[in-house]
Amino acid sequence: MAKKKSAKKTTAKKTVRRAWTSSDVRELKSLAKKKTGVTRIAKVLKRTAGAIAVKAHQLGVSLDTRG
């Protein structure tokens, strides 16, 4: 007896990439200088933690939160 496969499809969320504005970069640098955590910066800028880390690396900005 053959089993029927479920016809239910899962829809993947479409990835929308936004360009970094000069004010986004300024805010990232400012928050990094204040030793703000990556997840907090991500929430403020409405971006993923990964996007924040990549951009900081490209800019040469340290995200080290240690004193």
C-alpha atoms as a PDB file:
ATOM      1  CA  MET A   1       0.000   0.000   0.000  1.00  0.00           C
ATOM      2  CA  ALA A   2       1.443   3.343  -1.080  1.00  0.00           C
ATOM      3  CA  LYS A   3       1.466   6.255   1.338  1.00  0.00           C
ATOM      4  CA  LYS A   4       0.217   9.613   0.161  1.00  0.00           C
ATOM      5  CA  LYS A   5       2.534  12.563   0.561  1.00  0.00           C
ATOM      6  CA  SER A   6       1.159  15.640   2.218  1.00  0.00           C
ATOM      7  CA  ALA A   7       0.220  18.376  -0.237  1.00  0.00           C
ATOM      8  CA  LYS A   8       1.024  21.008   2.369  1.00  0.00           C
ATOM      9  CA  LYS A   9       3.730  23.404   1.223  1.00  0.00           C
ATOM     10  CA  THR A  10       5.813  25.564   3.498  1.00  0.00           C
ATOM     11  CA  THR A  11       6.473  29.043   2.254  1.00  0.00           C
ATOM     12  CA  ALA A  12       9.932  30.382   2.930  1.00  0.00           C
ATOM     13  CA  LYS A  13      10.258  33.985   4.000  1.00  0.00           C
ATOM     14  CA  LYS A  14      11.688  36.121   1.194  1.00  0.00           C
ATOM     15  CA  THR A  15      15.013  37.714   2.057  1.00  0.00           C
ATOM     16  CA  VAL A  16      14.942  41.464   1.578  1.00  0.00           C
ATOM     17  CA  ARG A  17      18.304  43.161   1.530  1.00  0.00           C
ATOM     18  CA  ARG A  18      18.522  46.827   2.431  1.00  0.00           C
ATOM     19  CA  ALA A  19      21.439  49.054   1.534  1.00  0.00           C
ATOM     20  CA  TRP A  20      23.410  50.576   4.401  1.00  0.00           C
ATOM     21  CA  THR A  21      22.782  54.293   4.666  1.00  0.00           C
ATOM     22  CA  SER A  22      25.337  56.707   6.056  1.00  0.00           C
ATOM     23  CA  SER A  23      23.132  57.199   9.129  1.00  0.00           C
ATOM     24  CA  ASP A  24      23.028  53.398   9.662  1.00  0.00           C
ATOM     25  CA  VAL A  25      26.825  53.269   9.555  1.00  0.00           C
ATOM     26  CA  ARG A  26      27.084  56.255  11.913  1.00  0.00           C
ATOM     27  CA  GLU A  27      24.699  54.597  14.381  1.00  0.00           C
ATOM     28  CA  LEU A  28      26.603  51.286  14.170  1.00  0.00           C
ATOM     29  CA  LYS A  29      29.915  53.018  14.929  1.00  0.00           C
ATOM     30  CA  SER A  30      28.381  55.010  17.771  1.00  0.00           C
ATOM     31  CA  LEU A  31      26.808  51.976  19.444  1.00  0.00           C
ATOM     32  CA  ALA A  32      29.968  49.880  18.980  1.00  0.00           C
ATOM     33  CA  LYS A  33      32.020  52.628  20.622  1.00  0.00           C
ATOM     34  CA  LYS A  34      29.660  52.494  23.629  1.00  0.00           C
ATOM     35  CA  LYS A  35      30.338  48.723  23.878  1.00  0.00           C
ATOM     36  CA  THR A  36      26.704  47.870  23.066  1.00  0.00           C
ATOM     37  CA  GLY A  37      26.080  44.184  22.360  1.00  0.00           C
ATOM     38  CA  VAL A  38      25.565  42.901  18.818  1.00  0.00           C
ATOM     39  CA  THR A  39      21.987  41.765  19.453  1.00  0.00           C
ATOM     40  CA  ARG A  40      21.040  45.179  20.875  1.00  0.00           C
ATOM     41  CA  ILE A  41      22.608  46.944  17.861  1.00  0.00           C
ATOM     42  CA  ALA A  42      20.727  44.573  15.552  1.00  0.00           C
ATOM     43  CA  LYS A  43      17.409  45.451  17.189  1.00  0.00           C
ATOM     44  CA  VAL A  44      18.097  49.196  17.007  1.00  0.00           C
ATOM     45  CA  LEU A  45      19.061  49.059  13.320  1.00  0.00           C
ATOM     46  CA  LYS A  46      16.388  46.429  12.481  1.00  0.00           C
ATOM     47  CA  ARG A  47      18.960  44.079  10.961  1.00  0.00           C
ATOM     48  CA  THR A  48      20.274  40.625  11.818  1.00  0.00           C
ATOM     49  CA  ALA A  49      23.207  40.109  14.156  1.00  0.00           C
ATOM     50  CA  GLY A  50      25.070  38.533  11.237  1.00  0.00           C
ATOM     51  CA  ALA A  51      24.570  41.621   9.077  1.00  0.00           C
ATOM     52  CA  ILE A  52      25.854  43.806  11.912  1.00  0.00           C
ATOM     53  CA  ALA A  53      28.948  41.634  12.374  1.00  0.00           C
ATOM     54  CA  VAL A  54      29.761  41.598   8.649  1.00  0.00           C
ATOM     55  CA  LYS A  55      29.381  45.367   8.263  1.00  0.00           C
ATOM     56  CA  ALA A  56      31.443  46.059  11.383  1.00  0.00           C
ATOM     57  CA  HIS A  57      34.205  43.818  10.030  1.00  0.00           C
ATOM     58  CA  GLN A  58      34.110  45.608   6.654  1.00  0.00           C
ATOM     59  CA  LEU A  59      34.415  48.953   8.423  1.00  0.00           C
ATOM     60  CA  GLY A  60      37.126  47.756  10.797  1.00  0.00           C
ATOM     61  CA  VAL A  61      34.898  48.431  13.799  1.00  0.00           C
ATOM     62  CA  SER A  62      35.381  46.286  16.900  1.00  0.00           C
ATOM     63  CA  LEU A  63      32.264  44.783  18.469  1.00  0.00           C
ATOM     64  CA  ASP A  64      34.151  43.717  21.576  1.00  0.00           C
ATOM     65  CA  THR A  65      31.887  44.363  24.598  1.00  0.00           C
ATOM     66  CA  ARG A  66      34.536  43.744  27.223  1.00  0.00           C
ATOM     67  CA  GLY A  67      35.653  46.731  29.267  1.00  0.00           C
END
